[in-house]
PDB file of N, CA and C in Angstrom:
ATOM      1  N   UNK A   1     144.165  -9.571 144.757  1.00  0.00           N
ATOM      2  CA  UNK A   1     143.339  -8.713 145.589  1.00  0.00           C
ATOM      3  C   UNK A   1     143.106  -7.404 144.856  1.00  0.00           C
ATOM      4  N   UNK A   2     141.888  -6.920 144.885  1.00  0.00           N
ATOM      5  CA  UNK A   2     141.543  -5.676 144.218  1.00  0.00           C
ATOM      6  C   UNK A   2     142.140  -4.490 144.974  1.00  0.00           C
ATOM      7  N   UNK A   3     142.445  -3.444 144.238  1.00  0.00           N
ATOM      8  CA  UNK A   3     142.972  -2.225 144.834  1.00  0.00           C
ATOM      9  C   UNK A   3     141.846  -1.223 145.004  1.00  0.00           C
ATOM     10  N   UNK A   4     141.756  -0.650 146.189  1.00  0.00           N
ATOM     11  CA  UNK A   4     140.759   0.359 146.489  1.00  0.00           C
ATOM     12  C   UNK A   4     141.475   1.697 146.589  1.00  0.00           C
ATOM     13  N   UNK A   5     141.055   2.669 145.811  1.00  0.00           N
ATOM     14  CA  UNK A   5     141.690   3.981 145.820  1.00  0.00           C
ATOM     15  C   UNK A   5     140.806   4.938 146.616  1.00  0.00           C
ATOM     16  N   UNK A   6     141.382   5.502 147.688  1.00  0.00           N
ATOM     17  CA  UNK A   6     140.656   6.410 148.576  1.00  0.00           C
ATOM     18  C   UNK A   6     141.412   7.728 148.686  1.00  0.00           C
ATOM     19  N   UNK A   7     140.666   8.785 148.919  1.00  0.00           N
ATOM     20  CA  UNK A   7     141.296  10.077 149.194  1.00  0.00           C
ATOM     21  C   UNK A   7     141.846  10.050 150.618  1.00  0.00           C
ATOM     22  N   UNK A   8     142.700  11.009 150.938  1.00  0.00           N
ATOM     23  CA  UNK A   8     143.217  11.115 152.301  1.00  0.00           C
ATOM     24  C   UNK A   8     142.073  11.274 153.299  1.00  0.00           C
ATOM     25  N   UNK A   9     141.099  12.090 152.933  1.00  0.00           N
ATOM     26  CA  UNK A   9     139.964  12.329 153.818  1.00  0.00           C
ATOM     27  C   UNK A   9     139.180  11.044 154.069  1.00  0.00           C
ATOM     28  N   UNK A  10     139.010  10.225 153.037  1.00  0.00           N
ATOM     29  CA  UNK A  10     138.279   8.966 153.196  1.00  0.00           C
ATOM     30  C   UNK A  10     139.031   8.006 154.109  1.00  0.00           C
ATOM     31  N   UNK A  11     140.343   7.964 153.965  1.00  0.00           N
ATOM     32  CA  UNK A  11     141.151   7.097 154.823  1.00  0.00           C
ATOM     33  C   UNK A  11     141.023   7.541 156.276  1.00  0.00           C
ATOM     34  N   UNK A  12     141.107   8.836 156.506  1.00  0.00           N
ATOM     35  CA  UNK A  12     140.985   9.363 157.871  1.00  0.00           C
ATOM     36  C   UNK A  12     139.626   9.022 158.459  1.00  0.00           C
ATOM     37  N   UNK A  13     138.575   9.172 157.670  1.00  0.00           N
ATOM     38  CA  UNK A  13     137.237   8.849 158.167  1.00  0.00           C
ATOM     39  C   UNK A  13     137.098   7.367 158.492  1.00  0.00           C
ATOM     40  N   UNK A  14     137.717   6.502 157.705  1.00  0.00           N
ATOM     41  CA  UNK A  14     137.682   5.066 157.995  1.00  0.00           C
ATOM     42  C   UNK A  14     138.419   4.756 159.294  1.00  0.00           C
ATOM     43  N   UNK A  15     139.577   5.366 159.477  1.00  0.00           N
ATOM     44  CA  UNK A  15     140.350   5.123 160.694  1.00  0.00           C
ATOM     45  C   UNK A  15     139.578   5.607 161.915  1.00  0.00           C
ATOM     46  N   UNK A  16     138.872   6.728 161.802  1.00  0.00           N
ATOM     47  CA  UNK A  16     138.080   7.245 162.917  1.00  0.00           C
ATOM     48  C   UNK A  16     137.006   6.254 163.352  1.00  0.00           C
ATOM     49  N   UNK A  17     136.559   5.409 162.442  1.00  0.00           N
ATOM     50  CA  UNK A  17     135.505   4.443 162.755  1.00  0.00           C
ATOM     51  C   UNK A  17     136.042   3.194 163.465  1.00  0.00           C
ATOM     52  N   UNK A  18     137.352   3.026 163.494  1.00  0.00           N
ATOM     53  CA  UNK A  18     137.950   1.866 164.149  1.00  0.00           C
ATOM     54  C   UNK A  18     137.890   2.022 165.660  1.00  0.00           C
ATOM     55  N   UNK A  19     137.842   0.885 166.375  1.00  0.00           N
ATOM     56  CA  UNK A  19     137.999   0.950 167.829  1.00  0.00           C
ATOM     57  C   UNK A  19     139.377   1.553 168.157  1.00  0.00           C
ATOM     58  N   UNK A  20     139.491   2.161 169.325  1.00  0.00           N
ATOM     59  CA  UNK A  20     140.718   2.860 169.706  1.00  0.00           C
ATOM     60  C   UNK A  20     141.952   1.953 169.598  1.00  0.00           C
ATOM     61  N   UNK A  21     141.822   0.704 170.008  1.00  0.00           N
ATOM     62  CA  UNK A  21     142.962  -0.216 169.939  1.00  0.00           C
ATOM     63  C   UNK A  21     143.473  -0.393 168.520  1.00  0.00           C
ATOM     64  N   UNK A  22     142.575  -0.474 167.567  1.00  0.00           N
ATOM     65  CA  UNK A  22     142.987  -0.604 166.173  1.00  0.00           C
ATOM     66  C   UNK A  22     143.555   0.706 165.641  1.00  0.00           C
ATOM     67  N   UNK A  23     143.033   1.829 166.122  1.00  0.00           N
ATOM     68  CA  UNK A  23     143.605   3.118 165.739  1.00  0.00           C
ATOM     69  C   UNK A  23     145.061   3.199 166.188  1.00  0.00           C
ATOM     70  N   UNK A  24     145.335   2.707 167.396  1.00  0.00           N
ATOM     71  CA  UNK A  24     146.706   2.702 167.919  1.00  0.00           C
ATOM     72  C   UNK A  24     147.607   1.848 167.032  1.00  0.00           C
ATOM     73  N   UNK A  25     147.117   0.693 166.603  1.00  0.00           N
ATOM     74  CA  UNK A  25     147.915  -0.172 165.737  1.00  0.00           C
ATOM     75  C   UNK A  25     148.216   0.506 164.404  1.00  0.00           C
ATOM     76  N   UNK A  26     147.241   1.208 163.841  1.00  0.00           N
ATOM     77  CA  UNK A  26     147.466   1.956 162.588  1.00  0.00           C
ATOM     78  C   UNK A  26     148.517   3.032 162.828  1.00  0.00           C
ATOM     79  N   UNK A  27     148.412   3.748 163.945  1.00  0.00           N
ATOM     80  CA  UNK A  27     149.358   4.797 164.293  1.00  0.00           C
ATOM     81  C   UNK A  27     150.776   4.231 164.415  1.00  0.00           C
ATOM     82  N   UNK A  28     150.894   3.099 165.113  1.00  0.00           N
ATOM     83  CA  UNK A  28     152.220   2.459 165.248  1.00  0.00           C
ATOM     84  C   UNK A  28     152.781   2.076 163.884  1.00  0.00           C
ATOM     85  N   UNK A  29     151.936   1.493 163.051  1.00  0.00           N
ATOM     86  CA  UNK A  29     152.374   1.104 161.710  1.00  0.00           C
ATOM     87  C   UNK A  29     152.902   2.315 160.948  1.00  0.00           C
ATOM     88  N   UNK A  30     152.149   3.422 160.996  1.00  0.00           N
ATOM     89  CA  UNK A  30     152.562   4.627 160.279  1.00  0.00           C
ATOM     90  C   UNK A  30     153.860   5.196 160.846  1.00  0.00           C
ATOM     91  N   UNK A  31     154.006   5.165 162.162  1.00  0.00           N
ATOM     92  CA  UNK A  31     155.256   5.640 162.764  1.00  0.00           C
ATOM     93  C   UNK A  31     156.442   4.795 162.305  1.00  0.00           C
ATOM     94  N   UNK A  32     156.247   3.493 162.280  1.00  0.00           N
ATOM     95  CA  UNK A  32     157.338   2.611 161.849  1.00  0.00           C
ATOM     96  C   UNK A  32     157.678   2.823 160.382  1.00  0.00           C
ATOM     97  N   UNK A  33     156.675   3.095 159.558  1.00  0.00           N
ATOM     98  CA  UNK A  33     156.919   3.362 158.148  1.00  0.00           C
ATOM     99  C   UNK A  33     157.739   4.638 157.975  1.00  0.00           C
ATOM    100  N   UNK A  34     157.440   5.643 158.787  1.00  0.00           N
ATOM    101  CA  UNK A  34     158.104   6.930 158.666  1.00  0.00           C
ATOM    102  C   UNK A  34     159.458   6.949 159.359  1.00  0.00           C
ATOM    103  N   UNK A  35     159.529   6.355 160.567  1.00  0.00           N
ATOM    104  CA  UNK A  35     160.733   6.475 161.374  1.00  0.00           C
ATOM    105  C   UNK A  35     161.284   5.130 161.822  1.00  0.00           C
ATOM    106  N   UNK A  36     161.027   4.083 161.066  1.00  0.00           N
ATOM    107  CA  UNK A  36     161.474   2.755 161.463  1.00  0.00           C
ATOM    108  C   UNK A  36     162.919   2.477 161.083  1.00  0.00           C
ATOM    109  N   UNK A  37     163.755   3.501 161.089  1.00  0.00           N
ATOM    110  CA  UNK A  37     165.140   3.356 160.646  1.00  0.00           C
ATOM    111  C   UNK A  37     166.115   3.246 161.807  1.00  0.00           C
ATOM    112  N   UNK A  38     165.651   2.704 162.933  1.00  0.00           N
ATOM    113  CA  UNK A  38     166.535   2.536 164.075  1.00  0.00           C
ATOM    114  C   UNK A  38     166.287   3.554 165.165  1.00  0.00           C
ATOM    115  N   UNK A  39     165.605   4.652 164.849  1.00  0.00           N
ATOM    116  CA  UNK A  39     165.246   5.603 165.889  1.00  0.00           C
ATOM    117  C   UNK A  39     164.162   4.990 166.764  1.00  0.00           C
ATOM    118  N   UNK A  40     164.180   5.295 168.029  1.00  0.00           N
ATOM    119  CA  UNK A  40     163.195   4.725 168.944  1.00  0.00           C
ATOM    120  C   UNK A  40     162.242   5.806 169.400  1.00  0.00           C
ATOM    121  N   UNK A  41     160.971   5.535 169.256  1.00  0.00           N
ATOM    122  CA  UNK A  41     159.926   6.456 169.667  1.00  0.00           C
ATOM    123  C   UNK A  41     158.983   5.718 170.601  1.00  0.00           C
ATOM    124  N   UNK A  42     158.542   6.396 171.635  1.00  0.00           N
ATOM    125  CA  UNK A  42     157.608   5.802 172.576  1.00  0.00           C
ATOM    126  C   UNK A  42     156.191   6.154 172.143  1.00  0.00           C
ATOM    127  N   UNK A  43     155.368   5.133 171.940  1.00  0.00           N
ATOM    128  CA  UNK A  43     153.964   5.336 171.592  1.00  0.00           C
ATOM    129  C   UNK A  43     153.148   5.121 172.855  1.00  0.00           C
ATOM    130  N   UNK A  44     152.420   6.160 173.258  1.00  0.00           N
ATOM    131  CA  UNK A  44     151.615   6.074 174.474  1.00  0.00           C
ATOM    132  C   UNK A  44     150.351   5.279 174.216  1.00  0.00           C
ATOM    133  N   UNK A  45     149.977   4.457 175.172  1.00  0.00           N
ATOM    134  CA  UNK A  45     148.736   3.706 175.108  1.00  0.00           C
ATOM    135  C   UNK A  45     147.573   4.642 175.398  1.00  0.00           C
ATOM    136  N   UNK A  46     146.424   4.421 174.769  1.00  0.00           N
ATOM    137  CA  UNK A  46     145.270   5.259 175.100  1.00  0.00           C
ATOM    138  C   UNK A  46     144.799   4.981 176.523  1.00  0.00           C
ATOM    139  N   UNK A  47     144.223   6.002 177.162  1.00  0.00           N
ATOM    140  CA  UNK A  47     143.685   5.810 178.509  1.00  0.00           C
ATOM    141  C   UNK A  47     142.478   4.899 178.441  1.00  0.00           C
ATOM    142  N   UNK A  48     142.400   3.991 179.385  1.00  0.00           N
ATOM    143  CA  UNK A  48     141.269   3.063 179.451  1.00  0.00           C
ATOM    144  C   UNK A  48     140.043   3.806 179.935  1.00  0.00           C
ATOM    145  N   UNK A  49     138.923   3.535 179.291  1.00  0.00           N
ATOM    146  CA  UNK A  49     137.648   4.142 179.693  1.00  0.00           C
ATOM    147  C   UNK A  49     137.073   3.343 180.863  1.00  0.00           C
ATOM    148  N   UNK A  50     136.534   4.058 181.855  1.00  0.00           N
ATOM    149  CA  UNK A  50     135.843   3.368 182.944  1.00  0.00           C
ATOM    150  C   UNK A  50     136.627   3.187 184.124  1.00  0.00           C
TER     151      UNK A  50
END
């Protein structure tokens, strides 16, 4: 698989384009990468529109 090199700003802009549910999954992934050492953090679900 080819490697794509993006700036931090480009990554943020790509994530902003994702549907909210996918943004939440990215957020959870990042939290687990940073604090997945047994600490427990509650990730709030986004409010449903409508």
